[in-house]
Protein backbone atom coordinates (compact mmCIF):
# COMPACT_ATOMS: atom_id res chain seq x y z
CA UNK A 1 -0.36 -0.20 -1.78
CA UNK A 2 2.16 1.87 -3.29
CA UNK A 3 5.39 2.87 -4.61
CA UNK A 4 7.68 5.26 -6.46
CA UNK A 5 10.47 4.66 -8.92
CA UNK A 6 13.47 3.81 -6.76
CA UNK A 7 16.00 4.73 -9.42
CA UNK A 8 15.63 8.51 -9.72
CA UNK A 9 14.51 8.82 -6.10
CA UNK A 10 17.90 7.73 -4.86
CA UNK A 11 19.72 10.22 -7.04
CA UNK A 12 17.64 13.38 -6.66
CA UNK A 13 17.92 15.79 -3.74
CA UNK A 14 14.87 16.92 -1.78
CA UNK A 15 14.64 20.20 -3.71
CA UNK A 16 13.95 18.20 -6.88
CA UNK A 17 11.15 16.15 -5.30
CA UNK A 18 8.71 17.55 -7.86
CA UNK A 19 10.12 15.19 -10.48
CA UNK A 20 10.89 12.17 -8.31
CA UNK A 21 7.90 10.16 -9.47
CA UNK A 22 7.76 11.38 -13.06
CA UNK A 23 7.48 8.55 -15.63
CA UNK A 24 9.02 8.40 -19.08
CA UNK A 25 8.22 11.39 -21.26
CA UNK A 26 4.91 11.06 -23.05
CA UNK A 27 3.26 8.82 -20.44
CA UNK A 28 1.14 9.89 -17.48
CA UNK A 29 2.39 9.07 -14.00
CA UNK A 30 0.25 6.20 -12.58
CA UNK A 31 1.83 6.11 -9.11
CA UNK A 32 -0.49 8.57 -7.31
CA UNK A 33 -3.50 6.50 -8.43
CA UNK A 34 -1.95 3.32 -7.06
CA UNK A 35 -1.09 4.96 -3.75
CA UNK A 36 -4.62 6.31 -3.42
CA UNK A 37 -6.06 2.88 -4.18
CA UNK A 38 -3.94 1.38 -1.43
CA UNK A 39 -4.32 4.19 1.08
CA UNK A 40 -8.03 4.95 0.80
CA UNK A 41 -9.02 1.29 0.86
CA UNK A 42 -6.77 0.64 3.85
CA UNK A 43 -8.35 3.53 5.76
CA UNK A 44 -11.89 2.29 5.10
CA UNK A 45 -11.16 -1.33 6.06
CA UNK A 46 -9.20 -0.22 9.11
CA UNK A 47 -12.08 1.90 10.37
CA UNK A 48 -14.20 -1.25 10.20
CA UNK A 49 -11.50 -3.18 12.10
CA UNK A 50 -11.54 -0.41 14.71
CA UNK A 51 -15.31 -0.94 15.15
CA UNK A 52 -16.30 2.45 13.77
CA UNK A 53 -18.79 0.63 11.51
CA UNK A 54 -19.49 -2.86 10.21
CA UNK A 55 -17.41 -4.21 7.35
CA UNK A 56 -20.01 -4.47 4.58
CA UNK A 57 -20.34 -4.23 0.82
CA UNK A 58 -18.79 -0.74 0.77
CA UNK A 59 -15.47 -2.08 2.04
CA UNK A 60 -15.71 -5.14 -0.20
CA UNK A 61 -16.34 -3.04 -3.33
CA UNK A 62 -13.42 -0.74 -2.50
CA UNK A 63 -11.16 -3.74 -1.86
CA UNK A 64 -11.93 -5.48 -5.15
CA UNK A 65 -12.07 -2.48 -7.48
CA UNK A 66 -10.02 0.43 -6.12
CA UNK A 67 -7.68 -1.46 -3.84
CA UNK A 68 -7.39 -4.42 -6.21
CA UNK A 69 -8.16 -3.67 -9.85
CA UNK A 70 -6.81 -0.11 -9.83
CA UNK A 71 -3.47 -1.16 -8.34
CA UNK A 72 -3.09 -4.04 -10.79
CA UNK A 73 -3.67 -1.62 -13.67
CA UNK A 74 -1.07 0.73 -12.17
CA UNK A 75 1.38 -2.18 -12.02
CA UNK A 76 0.83 -2.79 -15.73
CA UNK A 77 1.45 0.87 -16.47
CA UNK A 78 4.59 0.83 -14.30
CA UNK A 79 5.84 -2.10 -16.38
CA UNK A 80 5.81 0.20 -19.41
CA UNK A 81 7.99 2.61 -17.44
CA UNK A 82 10.52 -0.14 -16.63
CA UNK A 83 9.83 0.23 -12.90
CA UNK A 84 10.22 -3.25 -11.36
CA UNK A 85 9.70 -1.96 -7.83
CA UNK A 86 6.34 -0.38 -8.64
CA UNK A 87 5.26 -3.46 -10.62
CA UNK A 88 6.03 -5.71 -7.65
CA UNK A 89 4.48 -3.45 -5.03
CA UNK A 90 1.31 -2.39 -6.82
CA UNK A 91 0.81 -5.80 -8.40
CA UNK A 92 1.34 -7.54 -5.07
CA UNK A 93 -0.91 -5.29 -3.02
CA UNK A 94 -3.50 -5.23 -5.78
CA UNK A 95 -3.81 -8.99 -5.62
CA UNK A 96 -3.75 -8.84 -1.82
CA UNK A 97 -6.98 -6.88 -2.00
CA UNK A 98 -8.44 -9.15 -4.69
CA UNK A 99 -7.70 -12.29 -2.66
CA UNK A 100 -9.08 -10.69 0.49
CA UNK A 101 -12.28 -9.84 -1.37
CA UNK A 102 -12.47 -13.40 -2.72
CA UNK A 103 -12.00 -14.79 0.81
CA UNK A 104 -14.82 -12.59 2.08
CA UNK A 105 -17.22 -13.45 -0.74
CA UNK A 106 -16.36 -17.14 -0.49
CA UNK A 107 -17.02 -17.21 3.25
CA UNK A 108 -20.33 -15.37 2.85
CA UNK A 109 -21.53 -17.82 0.19
CA UNK A 110 -20.19 -20.97 1.79
CA UNK A 111 -17.95 -21.87 -1.13
CA UNK A 112 -15.56 -23.58 1.28
CA UNK A 113 -15.06 -24.04 4.98
CA UNK A 114 -14.35 -20.72 6.68
CA UNK A 115 -10.68 -20.10 7.42
CA UNK A 116 -9.53 -20.39 11.02
CA UNK A 117 -7.88 -17.54 12.86
CA UNK A 118 -4.63 -19.47 12.60
CA UNK A 119 -4.88 -19.71 8.82
CA UNK A 120 -5.75 -16.03 8.43
CA UNK A 121 -2.88 -15.15 10.75
CA UNK A 122 -0.43 -16.89 8.43
CA UNK A 123 -2.08 -15.22 5.42
CA UNK A 124 -1.44 -11.82 6.97
CA UNK A 125 2.04 -12.78 8.18
CA UNK A 126 3.24 -13.78 4.70
CA UNK A 127 2.09 -10.40 3.39
CA UNK A 128 4.02 -8.77 6.24
CA UNK A 129 7.13 -10.56 4.95
CA UNK A 130 6.35 -9.28 1.44
CA UNK A 131 6.04 -5.75 2.83
CA UNK A 132 9.30 -6.08 4.75
CA UNK A 133 11.14 -6.92 1.54
CA UNK A 134 9.63 -3.88 -0.17
CA UNK A 135 10.56 -1.71 2.79
CA UNK A 136 14.22 -2.71 2.49
CA UNK A 137 14.19 -2.10 -1.26
CA UNK A 138 12.60 1.33 -0.73
CA UNK A 139 15.63 2.62 1.17
CA UNK A 140 16.76 4.39 -2.02
CA UNK A 141 13.31 5.93 -2.56
CA UNK A 142 11.77 8.96 -0.79
CA UNK A 143 11.76 8.47 2.97
CA UNK A 144 7.98 8.83 3.29
CA UNK A 145 7.56 5.74 1.12
CA UNK A 146 9.82 3.74 3.44
CA UNK A 147 7.66 4.98 6.32
CA UNK A 148 4.46 3.84 4.59
CA UNK A 149 5.91 0.37 4.09
CA UNK A 150 7.20 0.20 7.67
CA UNK A 151 3.71 1.05 8.92
CA UNK A 152 2.32 -1.62 6.60
CA UNK A 153 4.65 -4.24 8.10
CA UNK A 154 3.48 -3.26 11.59
CA UNK A 155 -0.17 -3.31 10.51
CA UNK A 156 -0.06 -6.77 8.98
CA UNK A 157 1.94 -8.16 11.90
CA UNK A 158 -0.51 -6.78 14.47
CA UNK A 159 -3.48 -8.16 12.53
CA UNK A 160 -1.76 -11.55 12.21
CA UNK A 161 -1.17 -11.68 15.97
CA UNK A 162 -4.77 -10.63 16.58
CA UNK A 163 -5.99 -13.54 14.46
CA UNK A 164 -3.66 -16.03 16.10
CA UNK A 165 -4.68 -14.89 19.58
CA UNK A 166 -8.36 -14.44 18.63
CA UNK A 167 -8.15 -11.11 20.45
CA UNK A 168 -10.57 -8.35 19.46
CA UNK A 169 -8.57 -5.71 21.31
CA UNK A 170 -5.44 -6.42 19.28
CA UNK A 171 -7.50 -6.33 16.10
CA UNK A 172 -8.94 -2.95 17.11
CA UNK A 173 -5.44 -1.60 17.76
CA UNK A 174 -4.50 -2.84 14.30
CA UNK A 175 -7.50 -0.99 12.93
CA UNK A 176 -6.33 2.37 14.22
CA UNK A 177 -2.77 1.67 13.13
CA UNK A 178 -4.19 0.86 9.70
CA UNK A 179 -5.89 4.26 9.54
CA UNK A 180 -2.47 5.85 10.09
CA UNK A 181 -0.93 3.58 7.44
CA UNK A 182 -3.58 4.39 4.85
CA UNK A 183 -3.46 8.11 5.60
CA UNK A 184 0.32 8.15 5.11
CA UNK A 185 -0.11 6.51 1.69
CA UNK A 186 -2.74 9.10 0.74
CA UNK A 187 -0.33 11.86 1.80
CA UNK A 188 2.41 10.41 -0.39
CA UNK A 189 0.02 10.12 -3.34
CA UNK A 190 -0.90 13.79 -3.17
CA UNK A 191 2.73 14.75 -2.53
CA UNK A 192 3.75 13.09 -5.81
CA UNK A 193 0.75 14.54 -7.65
CA UNK A 194 1.09 18.11 -6.37
CA UNK A 195 4.89 18.19 -6.65
CA UNK A 196 4.70 17.01 -10.25
CA UNK A 197 1.81 19.33 -11.14
CA UNK A 198 3.35 22.46 -9.62
CA UNK A 199 6.92 21.39 -10.53
CA UNK A 200 8.15 22.28 -7.07
CA UNK A 201 8.02 20.77 -3.60
CA UNK A 202 4.52 21.42 -2.29
CA UNK A 203 4.55 18.45 0.11
CA UNK A 204 7.94 17.05 1.17
CA UNK A 205 8.66 13.35 0.68
CA UNK A 206 12.02 13.17 2.45
CA UNK A 207 15.54 12.28 1.42
CA UNK A 208 16.22 8.55 0.79
CA UNK A 209 17.81 6.61 3.61
CA UNK A 210 20.43 5.19 1.23
CA UNK A 211 21.93 5.98 -2.16
CA UNK A 212 21.76 3.59 -5.09
CA UNK A 213 25.02 2.64 -6.79
CA UNK A 214 25.81 4.46 -10.01
């Protein structure tokens, strides 16, 4: 999933959104890539959850490589930029996708007994807690980012309840909510990319909900 540097975001006004996500001079900005890895993979998996198509190798490959590996690499690059928030968010969500891919492959190959709906519900719920913590921390970042994380909390909670209740309708609702969540992350990725490229606000990202202390 996805994240900007909370430090400059809390200090810059909306008119300076073009530079909100800019990294240290001399290094390329990895954040749009991480957001795209989170957003695009979430959209594709969510369409499967919404019964638009079957969840097959396409979703699995996206989850492991673009949702997982790409976000972990972005977390490593964010470490160089001294961005603890991005490291935590991209590293966490990257390994969320890696573990989800491992769970899928393991179940398909019978490596262990398949997880129950109850177990998967708790798996999703603990990631909802993780996302809630990030959402609170993002209050000093662009408002769209806080919105992406809020939608992520809702998504994971709905999917957890769907697993606990073994209810396909709830899971399908979660699928469509996940499409909205992923699309919002894709929007934020291109907002950061276009605003930085054109050095002006092409796509607004919103004022932070709170201001960081000086």
